[in-house]
Amino acid sequence: MNACTLCPRACHALRTESEGHGFCRMPETMRIARIAPHLWEEPPVSGQRGTGAVFFSGCTLRCVYCQNADISHRDAGRPFTPQALAESLRRLVDMGMQTVSFITATPFIPKILETLDIYRPPVPLVWNTSGYESVESLKQLDGVIDVYLPDLKHYSASMGKLCAGADDYFEKTSLAIQEMVRQCGVPRYDEDGIMRRGVLIRHLILPGCTGESIHLLDWVHDTLPEGIPVSLMQQYVPCNNVRIPVLQRRITHREYARVQEHMLALGLPGFYQGPTSATVDFIPVFNQDESFV
């Protein structure tokens, strides 16, 4: 039983093997909603054969528009021991996955480290995160994680609070991303274009929020080393019965073009997502027998 300080909320909640009383509601035992090949990440992560994606339940944010709300808001998932997860990781590697991705895994850092002591996949390990991390927790992953794939969601305190329940989102995430860059640096790729090490930042453009997007891209350009790529996403679809009026629509072509043009003007490398990504068809199936290899 521990008083948890793993995420920036540092809520000091008591977490036992079976119960969690903190913001994320998670017990110490890992709760996982999907372990399966995933083909829809950025090319340096998915490659041609996919990433072995491990979707953890619970989240350190409460994004009102979350596309994976079944696991972030409604806690769908099954308990896993480190031994059981290690066996699943081995199966993913045997299936030919080019990377393994731990997705929203922050509440379970100690158990993941135990898992990797049992079996460490011989492919790059990806930490796929909301970006809302504490530097202290990230230091536990130094030398363990090969690739960081953080979101960079909100710039202003008001939007962080309104959309994610965290008015300190940018404050904490900006420090966290700088720590990720300290650990892994500018991306390095193998002959197949798979990122072996490095940081790739994701930004999801929200309707009516292009000013936020431009501020975030400026921060990346002005603060981080040259060569850190950005994945500019237009996949936003209203989900989770979002009630904020401006978020009840998809983004427009004009909104995406404004942010894309700014990114090009800054000379930031990265990826641009097509409009066909704005569909719920890409949301994975969680917590069914078919969800687990």
Protein backbone atom coordinates (compact mmCIF):
# COMPACT_ATOMS: atom_id res chain seq x y z
CA MET A 1 0.00 0.00 0.00
CA ASN A 2 1.50 3.31 -1.10
CA ALA A 3 0.66 7.00 -0.99
CA CYS A 4 0.87 7.65 -4.72
CA THR A 5 2.86 10.52 -6.24
CA LEU A 6 3.47 9.04 -9.69
CA CYS A 7 1.72 11.76 -11.70
CA PRO A 8 1.80 15.57 -11.37
CA ARG A 9 -1.33 15.53 -9.23
CA ALA A 10 0.67 13.86 -6.45
CA CYS A 11 -2.60 13.09 -4.72
CA HIS A 12 -0.94 10.81 -2.12
CA ALA A 13 -3.85 8.42 -2.48
CA LEU A 14 -3.68 4.99 -0.94
CA ARG A 15 -3.50 2.25 -3.54
CA THR A 16 -3.70 -1.43 -2.66
CA GLU A 17 -3.48 -4.51 -4.88
CA SER A 18 -7.26 -4.39 -5.36
CA GLU A 19 -8.32 -0.78 -4.79
CA GLY A 20 -7.32 2.71 -5.85
CA HIS A 21 -8.55 5.88 -4.20
CA GLY A 22 -6.65 8.48 -6.22
CA PHE A 23 -7.55 10.60 -9.22
CA CYS A 24 -6.88 7.71 -11.63
CA ARG A 25 -8.90 5.29 -9.47
CA MET A 26 -6.42 2.52 -10.24
CA PRO A 27 -5.14 -0.13 -7.81
CA GLU A 28 -1.47 -1.07 -7.72
CA THR A 29 -2.23 -4.18 -9.79
CA MET A 30 -2.03 -3.37 -13.49
CA ARG A 31 -5.38 -3.04 -15.22
CA ILE A 32 -5.16 -3.45 -18.98
CA ALA A 33 -7.93 -3.13 -21.60
CA ARG A 34 -6.15 -4.24 -24.77
CA ILE A 35 -2.93 -6.00 -25.81
CA ALA A 36 -2.81 -6.39 -29.57
CA PRO A 37 -1.13 -5.27 -32.79
CA HIS A 38 -1.94 -1.67 -33.67
CA LEU A 39 -1.33 -0.33 -37.17
CA TRP A 40 -2.47 3.27 -36.84
CA GLU A 41 0.33 5.06 -35.05
CA GLU A 42 2.89 7.26 -36.80
CA PRO A 43 5.01 5.38 -39.40
CA PRO A 44 8.22 5.32 -37.27
CA VAL A 45 6.24 3.59 -34.50
CA SER A 46 3.89 1.25 -36.39
CA GLY A 47 6.12 0.48 -39.36
CA GLN A 48 4.67 -2.05 -41.79
CA ARG A 49 3.72 -4.71 -39.25
CA GLY A 50 2.44 -2.61 -36.37
CA THR A 51 3.28 -1.78 -32.81
CA GLY A 52 2.41 -4.14 -29.99
CA ALA A 53 0.01 -1.83 -28.16
CA VAL A 54 -0.71 -2.25 -24.46
CA PHE A 55 -3.63 0.00 -23.45
CA PHE A 56 -3.70 0.58 -19.69
CA SER A 57 -6.87 1.54 -17.86
CA GLY A 58 -7.21 4.73 -15.86
CA CYS A 59 -5.68 8.07 -16.75
CA THR A 60 -4.05 11.01 -15.02
CA LEU A 61 -6.27 13.38 -17.01
CA ARG A 62 -10.01 13.62 -17.46
CA CYS A 63 -10.27 14.87 -21.05
CA VAL A 64 -13.89 15.65 -21.77
CA TYR A 65 -13.52 14.62 -25.43
CA CYS A 66 -11.50 11.43 -24.89
CA GLN A 67 -11.85 8.89 -27.71
CA ASN A 68 -10.80 6.08 -25.35
CA ALA A 69 -13.23 7.01 -22.59
CA ASP A 70 -14.08 3.38 -21.89
CA ILE A 71 -10.64 3.03 -20.32
CA SER A 72 -9.87 6.59 -19.20
CA HIS A 73 -13.27 7.44 -17.70
CA ARG A 74 -15.01 4.11 -17.20
CA ASP A 75 -12.04 1.95 -16.13
CA ALA A 76 -12.64 -1.00 -18.45
CA GLY A 77 -9.88 -3.55 -18.16
CA ARG A 78 -8.58 -6.75 -16.63
CA PRO A 79 -5.97 -7.30 -13.92
CA PHE A 80 -2.50 -8.38 -15.05
CA THR A 81 0.50 -9.52 -13.07
CA PRO A 82 4.00 -8.66 -14.31
CA GLN A 83 4.46 -12.31 -15.30
CA ALA A 84 1.25 -12.34 -17.34
CA LEU A 85 2.15 -9.07 -19.10
CA ALA A 86 5.65 -10.36 -19.83
CA GLU A 87 4.13 -13.41 -21.54
CA SER A 88 1.88 -11.16 -23.62
CA LEU A 89 4.83 -8.98 -24.65
CA ARG A 90 6.66 -12.10 -25.79
CA ARG A 91 3.69 -13.10 -27.92
CA LEU A 92 3.60 -9.65 -29.52
CA VAL A 93 7.27 -9.94 -30.45
CA ASP A 94 6.71 -13.43 -31.84
CA MET A 95 3.95 -11.93 -34.03
CA GLY A 96 6.53 -9.63 -35.62
CA MET A 97 5.72 -6.31 -33.96
CA GLN A 98 8.39 -3.73 -34.75
CA THR A 99 7.88 -1.79 -31.50
CA VAL A 100 6.00 -2.24 -28.22
CA SER A 101 3.90 0.67 -26.92
CA PHE A 102 2.84 1.29 -23.33
CA ILE A 103 -0.21 3.56 -23.58
CA THR A 104 -1.33 5.77 -20.64
CA ALA A 105 0.72 3.59 -18.31
CA THR A 106 1.84 6.13 -15.69
CA PRO A 107 -0.12 4.71 -12.72
CA PHE A 108 1.69 1.41 -13.18
CA ILE A 109 5.34 2.41 -13.59
CA PRO A 110 6.59 0.17 -10.74
CA LYS A 111 4.77 -2.90 -12.11
CA ILE A 112 5.97 -2.21 -15.65
CA LEU A 113 9.55 -2.10 -14.41
CA GLU A 114 8.95 -5.45 -12.71
CA THR A 115 7.58 -6.79 -16.00
CA LEU A 116 10.63 -5.68 -17.94
CA ASP A 117 12.88 -7.37 -15.40
CA ILE A 118 11.16 -10.62 -16.39
CA TYR A 119 11.20 -10.00 -20.14
CA ARG A 120 12.40 -7.01 -22.12
CA PRO A 121 11.29 -7.13 -25.76
CA PRO A 122 14.18 -6.85 -28.25
CA VAL A 123 12.42 -3.97 -30.07
CA PRO A 124 12.08 -0.28 -29.19
CA LEU A 125 9.87 0.40 -26.19
CA VAL A 126 7.49 3.34 -26.70
CA TRP A 127 5.97 5.41 -23.88
CA ASN A 128 2.72 6.70 -25.39
CA THR A 129 1.46 9.34 -22.98
CA SER A 130 -0.85 12.31 -22.51
CA GLY A 131 2.31 14.26 -21.71
CA TYR A 132 1.05 15.00 -18.21
CA GLU A 133 3.96 13.38 -16.38
CA SER A 134 6.16 14.26 -13.44
CA VAL A 135 9.87 14.61 -14.08
CA GLU A 136 10.55 12.45 -11.02
CA SER A 137 8.54 9.53 -12.43
CA LEU A 138 10.10 9.91 -15.87
CA LYS A 139 13.53 9.56 -14.31
CA GLN A 140 12.53 6.04 -13.28
CA LEU A 141 12.21 5.27 -17.00
CA ASP A 142 15.61 6.70 -17.98
CA GLY A 143 17.50 3.98 -19.84
CA VAL A 144 14.36 1.83 -20.00
CA ILE A 145 12.18 3.60 -22.57
CA ASP A 146 13.58 4.09 -26.06
CA VAL A 147 10.94 6.31 -27.64
CA TYR A 148 8.69 8.89 -26.04
CA LEU A 149 5.42 9.68 -27.82
CA PRO A 150 3.83 12.46 -25.73
CA ASP A 151 0.74 14.47 -26.49
CA LEU A 152 1.04 18.24 -26.25
CA LYS A 153 -2.60 19.18 -25.81
CA HIS A 154 -3.25 22.58 -24.23
CA TYR A 155 -1.34 25.83 -23.80
CA SER A 156 -3.45 28.01 -21.54
CA ALA A 157 -4.38 27.16 -17.96
CA SER A 158 -8.04 27.81 -18.77
CA MET A 159 -8.11 25.26 -21.59
CA GLY A 160 -6.16 22.74 -19.55
CA LYS A 161 -8.73 23.00 -16.78
CA LEU A 162 -11.78 23.06 -19.07
CA CYS A 163 -10.76 20.18 -21.31
CA ALA A 164 -8.49 17.97 -19.19
CA GLY A 165 -9.19 18.82 -15.57
CA ALA A 166 -5.62 20.13 -15.17
CA ASP A 167 -4.96 23.87 -15.15
CA ASP A 168 -1.24 23.08 -14.83
CA TYR A 169 -1.25 20.87 -17.93
CA PHE A 170 1.18 22.94 -20.00
CA GLU A 171 3.38 23.78 -17.02
CA LYS A 172 3.89 20.12 -16.16
CA THR A 173 3.91 18.74 -19.70
CA SER A 174 6.47 21.23 -20.97
CA LEU A 175 8.86 20.17 -18.21
CA ALA A 176 8.11 16.50 -18.85
CA ILE A 177 8.83 16.77 -22.58
CA GLN A 178 12.13 18.48 -21.90
CA GLU A 179 13.05 15.56 -19.62
CA MET A 180 12.06 13.10 -22.35
CA VAL A 181 14.30 14.95 -24.80
CA ARG A 182 17.14 14.91 -22.26
CA GLN A 183 16.83 11.15 -22.03
CA CYS A 184 16.28 10.17 -25.66
CA GLY A 185 17.07 13.20 -27.80
CA VAL A 186 16.39 13.79 -31.48
CA PRO A 187 15.04 10.68 -33.26
CA ARG A 188 17.32 8.04 -34.69
CA TYR A 189 15.89 5.59 -37.23
CA ASP A 190 16.88 2.17 -38.51
CA GLU A 191 17.02 1.05 -42.14
CA ASP A 192 13.26 0.35 -42.10
CA GLY A 193 12.40 3.83 -40.84
CA ILE A 194 11.54 2.63 -37.32
CA MET A 195 12.49 5.03 -34.57
CA ARG A 196 15.07 3.32 -32.42
CA ARG A 197 15.36 6.20 -29.99
CA GLY A 198 14.01 9.72 -29.63
CA VAL A 199 10.95 11.89 -29.00
CA LEU A 200 7.98 12.44 -31.31
CA ILE A 201 5.36 14.97 -30.13
CA ARG A 202 1.70 14.64 -31.01
CA HIS A 203 -0.70 17.54 -31.19
CA LEU A 204 -4.43 17.09 -31.77
CA ILE A 205 -6.01 20.24 -33.19
CA LEU A 206 -9.30 21.02 -31.46
CA PRO A 207 -12.16 22.95 -33.09
CA GLY A 208 -12.05 26.62 -32.27
CA CYS A 209 -8.61 26.31 -30.68
CA THR A 210 -6.10 27.03 -33.45
CA GLY A 211 -4.57 29.84 -31.38
CA GLU A 212 -3.64 27.26 -28.74
CA SER A 213 -2.09 25.06 -31.43
CA ILE A 214 0.05 27.91 -32.74
CA HIS A 215 1.34 28.77 -29.25
CA LEU A 216 2.30 25.12 -28.71
CA LEU A 217 4.15 24.87 -32.02
CA ASP A 218 6.00 28.08 -31.20
CA TRP A 219 7.06 26.54 -27.88
CA VAL A 220 8.40 23.42 -29.61
CA HIS A 221 10.34 25.56 -32.08
CA ASP A 222 11.72 27.97 -29.50
CA THR A 223 12.50 25.52 -26.70
CA LEU A 224 13.41 22.07 -28.00
CA PRO A 225 16.43 20.99 -30.06
CA GLU A 226 16.13 21.21 -33.82
CA GLY A 227 14.89 17.96 -35.29
CA ILE A 228 12.20 17.00 -32.76
CA PRO A 229 9.23 16.08 -34.99
CA VAL A 230 5.57 16.91 -34.47
CA SER A 231 2.64 14.79 -35.58
CA LEU A 232 -0.14 17.23 -36.44
CA MET A 233 -3.44 15.41 -36.07
CA GLN A 234 -6.88 16.26 -37.43
CA GLN A 235 -8.59 13.12 -36.15
CA TYR A 236 -10.76 14.96 -33.62
CA VAL A 237 -14.28 13.56 -33.43
CA PRO A 238 -16.75 14.57 -30.69
CA CYS A 239 -16.77 11.64 -28.26
CA ASN A 240 -17.74 10.82 -24.71
CA ASN A 241 -20.92 12.95 -24.99
CA VAL A 242 -18.77 16.07 -24.79
CA ARG A 243 -20.92 19.00 -23.69
CA ILE A 244 -18.66 21.96 -24.47
CA PRO A 245 -20.37 23.54 -27.50
CA VAL A 246 -17.24 24.37 -29.51
CA LEU A 247 -16.04 20.77 -29.14
CA GLN A 248 -19.25 19.29 -30.54
CA ARG A 249 -18.00 19.43 -34.14
CA ARG A 250 -15.03 18.28 -36.18
CA ILE A 251 -12.33 20.76 -37.14
CA THR A 252 -12.65 22.51 -40.47
CA HIS A 253 -10.26 22.33 -43.39
CA ARG A 254 -9.46 26.01 -42.81
CA GLU A 255 -8.55 25.36 -39.17
CA TYR A 256 -6.21 22.52 -40.06
CA ALA A 257 -4.63 24.52 -42.90
CA ARG A 258 -3.92 27.47 -40.57
CA VAL A 259 -2.01 25.32 -38.11
CA GLN A 260 -0.27 23.29 -40.80
CA GLU A 261 0.93 26.44 -42.56
CA HIS A 262 2.33 27.74 -39.27
CA MET A 263 4.19 24.49 -38.65
CA LEU A 264 5.64 24.63 -42.16
CA ALA A 265 6.66 28.26 -41.66
CA LEU A 266 8.52 27.29 -38.48
CA GLY A 267 10.34 24.53 -40.36
CA LEU A 268 9.31 21.86 -37.86
CA PRO A 269 9.71 18.30 -39.15
CA GLY A 270 6.92 15.83 -38.66
CA PHE A 271 3.78 14.21 -39.97
CA TYR A 272 0.44 15.45 -41.25
CA GLN A 273 -2.71 13.43 -40.76
CA GLY A 274 -5.33 13.14 -43.49
CA PRO A 275 -8.99 14.09 -42.96
CA THR A 276 -10.11 10.46 -43.30
CA SER A 277 -8.70 9.87 -39.80
CA ALA A 278 -11.60 11.83 -38.27
CA THR A 279 -13.78 8.81 -37.62
CA VAL A 280 -14.64 6.56 -34.71
CA ASP A 281 -13.73 3.56 -36.86
CA PHE A 282 -10.13 3.74 -35.61
CA ILE A 283 -11.09 3.48 -31.93
CA PRO A 284 -9.90 0.05 -30.75
CA VAL A 285 -12.13 -2.59 -29.19
CA PHE A 286 -11.43 -2.70 -25.46
CA ASN A 287 -11.80 -5.39 -22.82
CA GLN A 288 -13.18 -8.15 -25.03
CA ASP A 289 -11.60 -11.56 -25.48
CA GLU A 290 -10.55 -10.46 -28.96
CA SER A 291 -8.72 -7.49 -27.39
CA PHE A 292 -5.91 -9.66 -26.00
CA VAL A 293 -3.27 -11.70 -27.83
